[in-house]
Amino acid sequence: MIKKSDKIYIAGHRGMVGSACWRALEAEGYTNLIGKTSKELDLRDQKAVEDFIRAEKPVAIIDAAAKVGGILANDTYPYEFLMDNMLIQNNLIRSAHENNVPKFIFLGSSCIYPKFAPQPLKEEYLLTDSLEPTNEWYAIAKISGVKLIEALRKEYGRDYVSLMPTNLYGPNDNFDLKSSHVLPAMIRKFHEAKLKGNAPVELWGTGSPMREFLHVDDLGQAVLFALENELDEHLYNVGTGVDLTIKELAELVQSTVGHQGAIVWDSKKPDGTPRKLMEISKLLKEGWQARIDLEMGISKVYTWFLDNSLDLRNIEI
């Protein structure tokens, strides 16, 4: 049983996911959290990771560290996305096992599932068909992490688990229009258009694809839940179980921001996968569920964006 005073290492603690895990544990009264920046500890360096884990002896490791990016980055740097992510997770998982760390939580992404898998996405669909080519490098790395966790449970009885979240958003998100995901990109686009006299906002595609969104603080609560409970399975989807069209998302963001101009859909641009929804019944049966609805979540993120807009001014507009 994890105690509030136990040492817990959060890898990637400054990122959107890692910082949410830190907030969730801190709010619950955990007092011995540790984190290292990439300059302090290069997770790609096996010896450095091994020395760190052996010296610190954490009771649990939460792996929220990864090299991430959008379609362009994945396509441009396939070697780095595959190799860096495998090195990061393999070093952490190996060191956890070799140093008898009792608990390990591996965080991945819904992109591990096949491109044309049935909807909603079930955990058992893993490795049943080909991946989405634009991010397969990242996906393959994450799949190898999932299988390592499964192997350690099977062979050594480790209490290690993989959590696969749906599309995430929240504080510390990436609002760079060249590399951000759809929701933060919309927040920034509508905000800037509002400042320009409610200028029209152009968005890609037709607006018809359906997507699911999870506030990162809900993922933080799922990590806390996995930390404090012994789960039966090695792999769990984490989501809301509810999706909406990109058009509905755009209208919700527009309303939250207060933009009163037109939305122009560029139907010559690709829509992507028609639908991507997570099947979350396994984690629901364990006793966890998301609590932040999308309208409330977007409002919270827009407030965060406004409060931190000066910190974002170095990003090209």
Protein backbone atom coordinates (compact mmCIF):
# COMPACT_ATOMS: atom_id res chain seq x y z
CA MET A 1 0.00 0.00 0.00
CA ILE A 2 1.39 3.40 -1.02
CA LYS A 3 1.87 5.85 1.85
CA LYS A 4 1.65 9.65 1.54
CA SER A 5 5.29 9.92 2.66
CA ASP A 6 6.61 7.41 0.09
CA LYS A 7 9.02 8.71 -2.52
CA ILE A 8 7.38 8.91 -5.96
CA TYR A 9 9.31 9.87 -9.09
CA ILE A 10 7.36 11.60 -11.86
CA ALA A 11 9.31 11.48 -15.13
CA GLY A 12 8.41 14.44 -17.35
CA HIS A 13 7.02 16.41 -14.40
CA ARG A 14 7.12 19.76 -16.22
CA GLY A 15 5.03 18.68 -19.20
CA MET A 16 1.26 18.92 -19.49
CA VAL A 17 0.71 15.33 -18.31
CA GLY A 18 3.49 15.14 -15.74
CA SER A 19 2.51 18.44 -14.12
CA ALA A 20 -1.10 17.23 -13.88
CA CYS A 21 0.07 14.05 -12.12
CA TRP A 22 2.15 16.19 -9.73
CA ARG A 23 -0.85 18.43 -8.94
CA ALA A 24 -3.13 15.43 -8.34
CA LEU A 25 -0.72 13.72 -5.94
CA GLU A 26 0.22 16.92 -4.14
CA ALA A 27 -3.45 17.83 -3.62
CA GLU A 28 -4.02 14.35 -2.16
CA GLY A 29 -1.29 14.93 0.42
CA TYR A 30 1.72 13.17 -1.09
CA THR A 31 4.79 14.92 0.32
CA ASN A 32 7.78 13.19 -1.24
CA LEU A 33 7.47 13.80 -4.98
CA ILE A 34 10.64 14.05 -7.05
CA GLY A 35 11.23 15.30 -10.57
CA LYS A 36 14.21 16.05 -12.77
CA THR A 37 14.42 18.27 -15.83
CA SER A 38 15.93 16.84 -19.03
CA LYS A 39 19.06 18.91 -18.35
CA GLU A 40 19.39 17.35 -14.88
CA LEU A 41 18.72 13.80 -16.08
CA ASP A 42 18.83 12.61 -19.69
CA LEU A 43 16.36 9.71 -19.68
CA ARG A 44 17.94 8.40 -22.90
CA ASP A 45 21.14 7.67 -20.95
CA GLN A 46 20.83 4.17 -19.50
CA LYS A 47 23.61 4.53 -16.91
CA ALA A 48 22.35 7.92 -15.73
CA VAL A 49 18.84 6.55 -15.24
CA GLU A 50 20.12 3.42 -13.52
CA ASP A 51 22.29 5.45 -11.12
CA PHE A 52 19.41 7.82 -10.36
CA ILE A 53 16.85 5.10 -9.61
CA ARG A 54 19.35 3.10 -7.52
CA ALA A 55 20.27 6.17 -5.47
CA GLU A 56 16.73 7.55 -5.00
CA LYS A 57 14.94 4.21 -4.44
CA PRO A 58 11.42 5.48 -5.28
CA VAL A 59 8.44 3.35 -4.25
CA ALA A 60 6.66 4.29 -7.48
CA ILE A 61 7.54 5.70 -10.90
CA ILE A 62 5.08 7.55 -13.11
CA ASP A 63 6.36 7.70 -16.69
CA ALA A 64 4.93 10.86 -18.26
CA ALA A 65 8.13 11.56 -20.22
CA ALA A 66 8.12 11.31 -24.00
CA LYS A 67 9.22 12.99 -27.20
CA VAL A 68 5.93 14.24 -28.64
CA GLY A 69 4.79 16.23 -31.66
CA GLY A 70 2.23 16.49 -34.41
CA ILE A 71 2.01 14.85 -37.82
CA LEU A 72 4.75 17.03 -39.36
CA ALA A 73 7.25 16.34 -36.58
CA ASN A 74 6.54 12.58 -36.65
CA ASP A 75 6.96 12.49 -40.41
CA THR A 76 10.13 14.62 -40.41
CA TYR A 77 11.97 12.91 -37.54
CA PRO A 78 10.86 9.24 -37.57
CA TYR A 79 14.16 7.92 -36.18
CA GLU A 80 14.14 10.31 -33.20
CA PHE A 81 10.49 9.63 -32.39
CA LEU A 82 11.08 5.87 -32.40
CA MET A 83 14.52 5.74 -30.78
CA ASP A 84 14.19 8.51 -28.17
CA ASN A 85 10.85 7.22 -26.89
CA MET A 86 12.07 3.64 -26.71
CA LEU A 87 15.21 4.69 -24.85
CA ILE A 88 13.27 6.82 -22.35
CA GLN A 89 10.70 4.19 -21.45
CA ASN A 90 13.03 1.18 -21.67
CA ASN A 91 15.58 2.78 -19.33
CA LEU A 92 12.88 3.68 -16.81
CA ILE A 93 11.08 0.33 -16.94
CA ARG A 94 14.32 -1.68 -16.82
CA SER A 95 15.69 0.33 -13.90
CA ALA A 96 12.39 0.05 -12.03
CA HIS A 97 12.40 -3.73 -12.42
CA GLU A 98 16.10 -4.23 -11.63
CA ASN A 99 15.84 -2.05 -8.51
CA ASN A 100 12.60 -3.67 -7.32
CA VAL A 101 10.49 -0.51 -7.58
CA PRO A 102 7.07 -1.82 -6.43
CA LYS A 103 4.85 0.33 -8.64
CA PHE A 104 5.19 1.65 -12.21
CA ILE A 105 2.60 3.57 -14.25
CA PHE A 106 3.32 3.85 -17.97
CA LEU A 107 1.44 6.52 -19.90
CA GLY A 108 0.83 6.22 -23.62
CA SER A 109 -1.62 7.37 -26.26
CA SER A 110 -4.68 6.18 -28.16
CA CYS A 111 -2.55 6.20 -31.33
CA ILE A 112 -1.32 2.72 -30.34
CA TYR A 113 -4.53 1.29 -31.81
CA PRO A 114 -4.96 0.38 -35.50
CA LYS A 115 -6.07 3.14 -37.86
CA PHE A 116 -9.22 1.27 -38.93
CA ALA A 117 -10.06 -0.44 -35.65
CA PRO A 118 -13.79 -0.64 -34.80
CA GLN A 119 -15.22 2.16 -32.69
CA PRO A 120 -15.14 2.62 -29.76
CA LEU A 121 -11.53 1.47 -29.31
CA LYS A 122 -11.15 -1.52 -26.98
CA GLU A 123 -7.89 -2.56 -25.33
CA GLU A 124 -8.01 -5.93 -27.11
CA TYR A 125 -7.79 -4.21 -30.53
CA LEU A 126 -4.07 -3.61 -29.96
CA LEU A 127 -1.93 -5.16 -32.75
CA THR A 128 -4.93 -6.38 -34.76
CA ASP A 129 -4.25 -4.21 -37.85
CA SER A 130 -1.92 -1.55 -39.30
CA LEU A 131 -1.30 1.81 -37.62
CA GLU A 132 -1.92 5.36 -38.80
CA PRO A 133 1.21 5.98 -40.98
CA THR A 134 1.66 9.61 -39.94
CA ASN A 135 2.45 8.76 -36.32
CA GLU A 136 3.41 5.09 -36.41
CA TRP A 137 6.95 5.82 -35.14
CA TYR A 138 5.62 7.20 -31.86
CA ALA A 139 2.92 4.53 -31.69
CA ILE A 140 5.36 1.64 -32.15
CA ALA A 141 7.54 2.98 -29.35
CA LYS A 142 4.54 3.22 -27.03
CA ILE A 143 3.32 -0.25 -28.01
CA SER A 144 6.72 -1.67 -27.04
CA GLY A 145 6.31 0.01 -23.63
CA VAL A 146 2.87 -1.53 -23.18
CA LYS A 147 4.25 -4.98 -24.02
CA LEU A 148 7.18 -4.52 -21.59
CA ILE A 149 4.70 -3.74 -18.81
CA GLU A 150 2.63 -6.78 -19.76
CA ALA A 151 5.74 -8.99 -19.88
CA LEU A 152 6.89 -7.90 -16.41
CA ARG A 153 3.44 -8.60 -14.94
CA LYS A 154 3.33 -12.02 -16.62
CA GLU A 155 6.89 -13.16 -15.88
CA TYR A 156 7.65 -11.45 -12.58
CA GLY A 157 4.25 -10.55 -11.11
CA ARG A 158 5.05 -6.83 -11.08
CA ASP A 159 2.29 -4.39 -10.10
CA TYR A 160 2.95 -2.31 -13.20
CA VAL A 161 0.19 -0.86 -15.42
CA SER A 162 -0.25 1.05 -18.71
CA LEU A 163 -2.80 3.85 -19.07
CA MET A 164 -3.77 4.97 -22.58
CA PRO A 165 -5.54 8.37 -22.58
CA THR A 166 -7.66 9.81 -25.35
CA ASN A 167 -6.99 13.33 -26.74
CA LEU A 168 -5.77 15.47 -23.85
CA TYR A 169 -6.01 19.20 -23.18
CA GLY A 170 -5.32 21.41 -20.20
CA PRO A 171 -2.86 23.83 -18.58
CA ASN A 172 0.72 23.70 -19.92
CA ASP A 173 -0.59 22.58 -23.32
CA ASN A 174 1.20 23.51 -26.54
CA PHE A 175 -0.40 26.55 -28.23
CA ASP A 176 2.13 26.84 -31.08
CA LEU A 177 -0.02 26.84 -34.24
CA LYS A 178 2.68 24.99 -36.17
CA SER A 179 2.71 21.98 -33.85
CA SER A 180 -0.27 22.12 -31.50
CA HIS A 181 -3.25 19.76 -31.46
CA VAL A 182 -6.74 20.77 -32.52
CA LEU A 183 -8.22 22.09 -29.26
CA PRO A 184 -5.38 24.42 -28.12
CA ALA A 185 -4.97 25.56 -31.74
CA MET A 186 -8.66 26.53 -31.84
CA ILE A 187 -8.39 28.44 -28.56
CA ARG A 188 -5.50 30.47 -29.90
CA LYS A 189 -7.05 31.05 -33.33
CA PHE A 190 -10.38 32.27 -31.95
CA HIS A 191 -8.65 34.44 -29.33
CA GLU A 192 -6.41 36.15 -31.89
CA ALA A 193 -9.33 36.61 -34.32
CA LYS A 194 -11.35 38.19 -31.51
CA LEU A 195 -8.52 40.67 -30.88
CA LYS A 196 -8.53 41.53 -34.59
CA GLY A 197 -12.13 42.72 -34.55
CA ASN A 198 -13.76 39.28 -34.73
CA ALA A 199 -12.01 38.38 -37.97
CA PRO A 200 -13.06 35.11 -39.67
CA VAL A 201 -11.39 31.93 -38.42
CA GLU A 202 -10.34 29.34 -40.99
CA LEU A 203 -10.29 25.69 -39.90
CA TRP A 204 -9.22 22.54 -41.71
CA GLY A 205 -11.62 20.02 -43.24
CA THR A 206 -15.40 19.81 -43.08
CA GLY A 207 -15.84 19.71 -39.31
CA SER A 208 -17.55 16.30 -39.51
CA PRO A 209 -14.98 14.00 -37.81
CA MET A 210 -15.80 13.03 -34.22
CA ARG A 211 -13.26 13.27 -31.40
CA GLU A 212 -13.14 12.68 -27.65
CA PHE A 213 -11.32 15.02 -25.25
CA LEU A 214 -10.11 14.45 -21.69
CA HIS A 215 -8.96 17.23 -19.37
CA VAL A 216 -5.44 16.41 -18.22
CA ASP A 217 -6.44 16.86 -14.57
CA ASP A 218 -8.82 13.92 -15.01
CA LEU A 219 -5.88 11.88 -16.29
CA GLY A 220 -3.97 12.98 -13.19
CA GLN A 221 -6.80 11.55 -11.09
CA ALA A 222 -6.65 8.29 -13.09
CA VAL A 223 -2.92 8.04 -12.36
CA LEU A 224 -3.62 8.64 -8.66
CA PHE A 225 -6.27 5.91 -8.78
CA ALA A 226 -3.85 3.46 -10.42
CA LEU A 227 -1.21 4.35 -7.85
CA GLU A 228 -3.47 3.66 -4.89
CA ASN A 229 -5.13 0.50 -6.23
CA GLU A 230 -3.95 -2.87 -7.50
CA LEU A 231 -5.56 -3.20 -10.91
CA ASP A 232 -6.42 -6.54 -12.53
CA GLU A 233 -5.33 -5.76 -16.09
CA HIS A 234 -2.06 -4.51 -17.58
CA LEU A 235 -3.70 -2.01 -19.98
CA TYR A 236 -6.53 0.48 -19.47
CA ASN A 237 -8.04 3.11 -21.74
CA VAL A 238 -8.65 6.49 -20.08
CA GLY A 239 -11.31 8.80 -21.49
CA THR A 240 -14.78 10.25 -21.06
CA GLY A 241 -16.66 7.83 -23.31
CA VAL A 242 -18.27 10.87 -25.00
CA ASP A 243 -17.30 12.46 -28.31
CA LEU A 244 -18.46 15.35 -30.50
CA THR A 245 -17.87 16.64 -34.03
CA ILE A 246 -15.01 19.04 -34.73
CA LYS A 247 -17.67 21.54 -35.84
CA GLU A 248 -19.37 21.27 -32.42
CA LEU A 249 -15.98 21.66 -30.74
CA ALA A 250 -15.25 24.79 -32.79
CA GLU A 251 -18.58 26.34 -31.82
CA LEU A 252 -17.97 25.53 -28.15
CA VAL A 253 -14.49 27.11 -28.21
CA GLN A 254 -15.82 30.11 -30.15
CA SER A 255 -18.55 30.65 -27.55
CA THR A 256 -16.10 30.30 -24.65
CA VAL A 257 -13.63 32.77 -26.16
CA GLY A 258 -16.38 35.22 -27.12
CA HIS A 259 -15.43 35.41 -30.79
CA GLN A 260 -18.35 36.70 -32.89
CA GLY A 261 -16.98 36.33 -36.41
CA ALA A 262 -17.42 33.68 -39.08
CA ILE A 263 -15.98 30.17 -39.14
CA VAL A 264 -14.67 29.19 -42.57
CA TRP A 265 -14.10 25.48 -43.25
CA ASP A 266 -11.39 24.63 -45.79
CA SER A 267 -12.84 21.38 -47.14
CA LYS A 268 -9.79 20.91 -49.41
CA LYS A 269 -7.77 20.09 -46.28
CA PRO A 270 -7.95 16.53 -44.88
CA ASP A 271 -10.44 15.51 -42.20
CA GLY A 272 -8.41 12.61 -40.86
CA THR A 273 -9.99 9.55 -39.22
CA PRO A 274 -13.81 9.86 -39.21
CA ARG A 275 -14.14 8.86 -35.55
CA LYS A 276 -11.85 8.12 -32.60
CA LEU A 277 -13.55 7.16 -29.34
CA MET A 278 -12.14 5.14 -26.43
CA GLU A 279 -14.01 2.23 -24.86
CA ILE A 280 -13.48 2.86 -21.12
CA SER A 281 -15.63 0.23 -19.40
CA LYS A 282 -12.63 -1.62 -17.89
CA LEU A 283 -11.46 1.39 -15.86
CA LEU A 284 -15.05 2.35 -15.01
CA LYS A 285 -15.56 -1.11 -13.52
CA GLU A 286 -12.45 -0.60 -11.39
CA GLY A 287 -14.07 2.51 -9.92
CA TRP A 288 -12.63 5.54 -11.78
CA GLN A 289 -14.42 8.01 -14.05
CA ALA A 290 -13.76 11.45 -15.53
CA ARG A 291 -15.35 14.42 -13.75
CA ILE A 292 -14.56 17.53 -15.82
CA ASP A 293 -17.07 18.08 -18.64
CA LEU A 294 -15.80 19.61 -21.85
CA GLU A 295 -17.49 23.01 -21.55
CA MET A 296 -16.12 23.54 -18.05
CA GLY A 297 -12.71 22.21 -19.09
CA ILE A 298 -12.37 24.54 -22.09
CA SER A 299 -13.36 27.50 -19.91
CA LYS A 300 -10.63 26.58 -17.39
CA VAL A 301 -8.03 26.21 -20.14
CA TYR A 302 -8.96 29.51 -21.76
CA THR A 303 -8.54 31.24 -18.38
CA TRP A 304 -5.11 29.58 -18.06
CA PHE A 305 -4.22 30.69 -21.60
CA LEU A 306 -5.14 34.30 -20.79
CA ASP A 307 -3.18 34.22 -17.53
CA ASN A 308 -0.10 32.85 -19.29
CA SER A 309 -0.36 34.67 -22.62
CA LEU A 310 2.76 36.74 -21.91
CA ASP A 311 4.72 33.52 -21.50
CA LEU A 312 3.51 32.46 -24.95
CA ARG A 313 4.50 35.64 -26.77
CA ASN A 314 7.72 34.11 -28.12
CA ILE A 315 5.59 31.79 -30.27
CA GLU A 316 5.13 33.07 -33.81
CA ILE A 317 1.62 34.40 -34.51
